[in-house]
Amino acid sequence: MEENLKQHKADIIKIAMFGPESTGKTTLSIQLADYYKTEWVPEFARDYLQEKWDTSQSICDVNDMMPIAHGQTRLENEKLKTANNFLFCDTNLMVTKVFSEVYYNYCDPLLDEAAVQHQYDLFFLTDIDVPWEKDDLRDRPDDRKSVFEVFKATLIKNKKPFITLSGDKDSRLKTAVGIIDSLVVAYKMGLSTLDFVQVYEHGIAINAIQKQLAIFKTGVPKMKLIAPATIGSGIIKHTDAEFKEKADFFDANKTNLKLLKFVPASGAASRMFKFLNSFLNQFDPCSETINAYINRTKDTELAIFIVGMDKLPFFEEVYQKLKIIYQNFDDLSRDYKNYYFIKLLLDQEHYDFANKPKGVLPFHAYQTTVASPIEEQLYECGHYATTNNQSTLHFTVSQAHLEQFQEIVSQVKPAVESKLNTQLEVQYSYQKSSTDTIAVDEKNRPVRDGDGKLLFRPGGHGALIENLNQLEADIIFIKNIDNIIIHKKESIALYKKALAGILLDFQQKVFFYLHAIDANDVPESMITEMKDFLSSCLNVDIHVTDFDMYTFDNKIKVLKKLLNRPIRICGMVKNEGEPGGGPFWVKGDNDVISLQIVESSQIDLTNQTQANILASATHFNPVDIVCSTLNYKKERFDLTKYVDPNCGFIVHKSFLGKNIKSYELPGLWNGAMSNWLTVFVQVPLVTFNPVKTVNDLLKSAHQL
């Protein structure tokens, strides 16, 4: 590269505007320079070509490209000397290169080399969504889209870091300032510009990455358990008659309500078949028997599977398939039959069950059909989330699995609708990429994939608070995809309706108080009434020690803030040793005591007192939730404002044969709902029948 095309170096951030003519590059450069109190580099070609036009009425030609390149480089180097932390370039040699190629189908090799080698921290690709402004030098208003695509392709081809800016001049400035400020933070974190652009395109705020990296170093704060929630102390117990009464109350009051069932269903079934995968990886049918393998590895799960496999809902189909593949299958030994059965079940060329979503797997064998969790959830939805013969079911799915869900829904929905006399609407959403979290190695350094890009992982089911936040319904039923049983839909419906009835009962009281507050119709006696209602019915600790000394107006402010929150009614079953979260009284910030669902990983088990409280828990959380996300004005709450950010999880995974750590967001039904109004209700065990491993399908709840 010749000397007068060399770009001078400096320890400042250089931002280049890049895009077709009349796309706001000059305006944005001036705005940003003014905002950051620094220099901007004007377009040398404009004055150069205007002078040429004024003196000879001649327009630009290919011979002008190198003088323009020389002048632009010189101007940028001069401005660099007086710039303050930032330099904003209205144009650059890459723009000159593109125009030379577009207009003249030629670019001087020296210009091409310099354009590629000139470095900028970031390019702003200016969109064509602003009005064309004609002047003496602009001549292609009809080619803006094609020229824009050429500009974009040039940045991609030359691996330049860029972000596209759209909108009017004010919105562009606001967006650009946010990006630049975040870029500064990224640099302080040791990330490159390309890293920053990757984070931005992922939709993740850079300060979220910053917080996640800090959490890896300091660890996630542990919960401070006060006591387990028990019957009479945080958990309500109803008789069968009372459950029926609450369910009837719901049915009597649901006519004008919009109901919706929300089913997290994005996960693959890999954990269901983990022990079978281990078996295939470790077992050699030529060197030992399956019984010897079980004795050697103490694999009781495999033993249960082998004994009961003929009762699995997919057994007959897989068995018949084996007889087609292996013509002498009936003559094989029992060990080889079992081995080939397991192998076919997990083979990616055949059933590939471990890589499919749970929702599409065969779970229940009826007399003439085999039903998937999707079908069972549709039936359940029609039984309790229906009003005016209308029912809505919302699945959160992986984008890769959407078609499998849609295919099953299209097959079974007509029959479900006919049997239940209900019109079913099925909705889908994906877990947002913006909720993904960064992965680190054992030294807390960001992990990169094979292409050198930062590795992000899904943020766990807590990310689904974003999906829930987009829904608008008066009552939302939440249930995991695998927590279904064979038959007994009416029994399950009774308890779900009862929880909804309890919700409506409490909600009507909450809304009554809030409307009274808005109407300035609160007598002094109602202050005590509201305070007692919050404490005794909604388990809310009014943590203002001198509340009774407050003025009337300040008491109202405190009570309104405590009452005006999303509400959840959570079913709790008796603890029978299942892994997962449970209900506890917890001390949080400012010593506020509240009811929370807590996972064992959130507890400091090295603290004997905390471990003893965990061990004394009487109930378990089956993720059986009925909730309301609308306020008393029928407006949606912003659910992200009620998340406890300190309730995330650090999980250990492997990637490319190396140990890595990943951060999972506060769980959907614990940290993500930490600041909701919460009521726990004991429900029967019949409501809790999850399928965590394939062997769970052998339990009575999943067998005819």
Foldseek 3Di string as FASTA:
>chain_A
DDDLLDADDDQAAEEEEFADPPLCLVVLQVLVCVVVVWEEQEQQVVVVQVVVCVVPVDGDDLVCLVVSSSVSRVRNNVRVVGTDRYYYYSHHLLRSQLCSCVVPVDDDPVSVVSRLPDDGQEYEYGDPQDDGDDDPHDDCPPCRVVSSVSRVVSCVVSVGHYDYADDDPVVSNVVVVQLVVQVVVCVVVVHGSVQSSVLVVLVARSVQQVVVLVCLVVPFAFFFFDFFQDDVRFADEDDPVLLLVLLVLLVVPCQPFQFEEEAEFADALQLQCVVLVVCLVPDDVVPDFVVVVCVVVVPVVVVLCLVCVVQFQCNVVLLVVVCVVDVCLVVDDSRVNVNVSSCQCCPPVHNVRRGATQQLDFQFHDPPDTDGLLLQVLLLQLQARDHPLEGEYEYEHAPVHVVSSVVVCVVRVVVSCVVSVHDYHYHYHYQRSNQWHFKAAPVSHFDADPVRHGDTDHQPQQSCLVVVLPDATFKYWYAYSQQGFDPPSNVLNSNLSSLVSLVVVLQVVLLVLLVCLVVVNADPVVLVVLVCCCCVPLVFDLLPPVLVVDDPVVSSVSSNVLSFFKEKEFEKEFDPPDAFWRWGFTQDPPRTTGIFTAHPQSHDCVPVVRVVSVVPHGIGGLRGMMIGQAGSVSHGDNLQVQADQSQKDWDWDDDPRGIMIGIHGRHNRGRSNPSGRYHYYYDYPLSHQGSSYSSSSVDPRRGD
